[in-house]
Amino acid sequence: MSLPLNPKPFLNGLTGKPVMVKLKWGMEYKGYLVSVDSYMNMQLANSEEYVDGALADHLGEVLVR
């Protein structure tokens, strides 16, 4: 059994790396993590939007709240 992981340091460690953010209603955003704040808002650069697993659009810079 693994110990619980604090998400804030984990997410801060992913800054500058490629990530995928999946929203609870099914949309996914893939891009490079620029920053995360204390409310878990995430800023992504060079991002793409995927709907039902298919590429929907190239968005560039986005803020996921």
C-alpha atoms as a PDB file:
ATOM      1  CA  MET A   1       0.000   0.000   0.000  1.00  0.00           C
ATOM      2  CA  SER A   2       1.404   3.410  -0.943  1.00  0.00           C
ATOM      3  CA  LEU A   3       1.288   6.533   1.160  1.00  0.00           C
ATOM      4  CA  PRO A   4      -1.039   9.412   0.216  1.00  0.00           C
ATOM      5  CA  LEU A   5       0.552  11.982  -2.084  1.00  0.00           C
ATOM      6  CA  ASN A   6       0.116  15.720  -1.548  1.00  0.00           C
ATOM      7  CA  PRO A   7      -1.069  17.003  -4.962  1.00  0.00           C
ATOM      8  CA  LYS A   8       0.390  20.527  -4.736  1.00  0.00           C
ATOM      9  CA  PRO A   9       4.108  19.592  -4.675  1.00  0.00           C
ATOM     10  CA  PHE A  10       3.414  16.828  -7.188  1.00  0.00           C
ATOM     11  CA  LEU A  11       1.785  19.262  -9.653  1.00  0.00           C
ATOM     12  CA  ASN A  12       4.481  21.890  -9.097  1.00  0.00           C
ATOM     13  CA  GLY A  13       7.040  19.228 -10.000  1.00  0.00           C
ATOM     14  CA  LEU A  14       5.305  18.771 -13.355  1.00  0.00           C
ATOM     15  CA  THR A  15       5.793  22.431 -14.324  1.00  0.00           C
ATOM     16  CA  GLY A  16       7.307  22.637 -17.802  1.00  0.00           C
ATOM     17  CA  LYS A  17       6.425  19.030 -18.651  1.00  0.00           C
ATOM     18  CA  PRO A  18       3.713  17.699 -20.981  1.00  0.00           C
ATOM     19  CA  VAL A  19       0.483  16.865 -19.127  1.00  0.00           C
ATOM     20  CA  MET A  20      -3.074  15.824 -19.892  1.00  0.00           C
ATOM     21  CA  VAL A  21      -5.961  17.336 -17.908  1.00  0.00           C
ATOM     22  CA  LYS A  22      -9.222  15.385 -18.134  1.00  0.00           C
ATOM     23  CA  LEU A  23     -12.389  17.194 -17.081  1.00  0.00           C
ATOM     24  CA  LYS A  24     -15.250  15.362 -15.399  1.00  0.00           C
ATOM     25  CA  TRP A  25     -17.512  15.836 -18.445  1.00  0.00           C
ATOM     26  CA  GLY A  26     -15.060  14.073 -20.779  1.00  0.00           C
ATOM     27  CA  MET A  27     -13.012  16.779 -22.489  1.00  0.00           C
ATOM     28  CA  GLU A  28      -9.224  16.462 -22.343  1.00  0.00           C
ATOM     29  CA  TYR A  29      -6.541  19.098 -22.706  1.00  0.00           C
ATOM     30  CA  LYS A  30      -2.960  18.169 -23.540  1.00  0.00           C
ATOM     31  CA  GLY A  31      -0.171  20.701 -23.272  1.00  0.00           C
ATOM     32  CA  TYR A  32       2.812  21.863 -21.238  1.00  0.00           C
ATOM     33  CA  LEU A  33       2.072  22.815 -17.641  1.00  0.00           C
ATOM     34  CA  VAL A  34       3.049  26.447 -17.066  1.00  0.00           C
ATOM     35  CA  SER A  35       1.700  26.980 -13.546  1.00  0.00           C
ATOM     36  CA  VAL A  36      -0.705  25.753 -10.862  1.00  0.00           C
ATOM     37  CA  ASP A  37      -2.171  27.907  -8.103  1.00  0.00           C
ATOM     38  CA  SER A  38      -3.538  27.048  -4.657  1.00  0.00           C
ATOM     39  CA  TYR A  39      -7.043  26.529  -6.125  1.00  0.00           C
ATOM     40  CA  MET A  40      -5.728  23.937  -8.632  1.00  0.00           C
ATOM     41  CA  ASN A  41      -6.223  26.275 -11.597  1.00  0.00           C
ATOM     42  CA  MET A  42      -3.812  25.113 -14.293  1.00  0.00           C
ATOM     43  CA  GLN A  43      -2.210  27.132 -17.061  1.00  0.00           C
ATOM     44  CA  LEU A  44      -1.214  25.115 -20.135  1.00  0.00           C
ATOM     45  CA  ALA A  45       0.858  26.210 -23.136  1.00  0.00           C
ATOM     46  CA  ASN A  46       0.777  24.711 -26.665  1.00  0.00           C
ATOM     47  CA  SER A  47      -2.452  22.959 -25.718  1.00  0.00           C
ATOM     48  CA  GLU A  48      -4.823  20.823 -27.739  1.00  0.00           C
ATOM     49  CA  GLU A  49      -8.442  19.930 -26.948  1.00  0.00           C
ATOM     50  CA  TYR A  50      -9.650  16.346 -27.314  1.00  0.00           C
ATOM     51  CA  VAL A  51     -13.325  15.359 -27.250  1.00  0.00           C
ATOM     52  CA  ASP A  52     -14.169  11.653 -26.987  1.00  0.00           C
ATOM     53  CA  GLY A  53     -10.502  10.882 -27.640  1.00  0.00           C
ATOM     54  CA  ALA A  54     -10.374  12.751 -30.960  1.00  0.00           C
ATOM     55  CA  LEU A  55      -8.418  15.949 -31.550  1.00  0.00           C
ATOM     56  CA  ALA A  56     -10.933  18.809 -31.665  1.00  0.00           C
ATOM     57  CA  ASP A  57      -8.732  21.914 -31.827  1.00  0.00           C
ATOM     58  CA  HIS A  58      -5.286  23.426 -31.280  1.00  0.00           C
ATOM     59  CA  LEU A  59      -5.805  26.093 -28.619  1.00  0.00           C
ATOM     60  CA  GLY A  60      -2.390  27.452 -27.657  1.00  0.00           C
ATOM     61  CA  GLU A  61      -2.419  28.879 -24.126  1.00  0.00           C
ATOM     62  CA  VAL A  62      -5.370  27.990 -21.860  1.00  0.00           C
ATOM     63  CA  LEU A  63      -6.389  28.296 -18.214  1.00  0.00           C
ATOM     64  CA  VAL A  64      -8.279  25.327 -16.761  1.00  0.00           C
ATOM     65  CA  ARG A  65     -10.292  26.386 -13.730  1.00  0.00           C
END
